Amino acid sequence: MRRIVAGLLILAACSGRAAGDTTTTATVPPTTTTTQQVTSTTEPPPDCPPAPYEMTSLPAGVGQGELQSENIDPDVWTSVPGTTTTFVPRNDDTVAIALIRGTLPAVEWPDERGEVFVDGTRGVAGPHPDGTWVAGWYEEPGARCDQYTMVFYPPWSPSDVEDVILGMNRVGG
């Protein structure tokens, strides 16, 4: 029996560990990254017809000249998909006014704006830091093609902007 106990003591001493020592091994699963690609099949909205307004009061030099609309670069006001823009030229062939059907103003007014009436329909108008004057209004039932933005490209005086807006008449669809 002494030999068995002595053998066990020798065996424990040769193993190189004390009887209370333990080793713990942790296995960490590899990190995985999952990406999900979302595609949209939404088609752009159909184009609205031209705005049904005529401008009966334009300052001297506005409404004259010719514009090639395909040569006009879209800007933040005129580049909204599905909208239709009617450009009114100056006599030097630059854009004086853009009347856009199918959207309300694309940029929020940082400055004050006033209430205006476009052929009896309530709207708002005011200056923007980019030098434009902008009016926005919508008609009932308020669908996308019942929304309008009118941009006055500089130079404009507030009284001329007001006169143009007051002189607008709805002439159809």
Foldseek 3Di string as FASTA:
>chain_A
DVVVVVVVVVVCVVVVDDPPDDDDDDDDDDDDDDDDDDDDPDDFDAAAPDAQKDFPDADPQKQDDDEDVVPDDDDLFRPRTRKDWDFIAGNVHDTFKIKIFQDFGSDDAPDDWDWAAQQNFIWIWDDHPVQKIKIWGFDPPRPRRRIIMMIGHDDDDPVNVRSRRVRMDRHDD
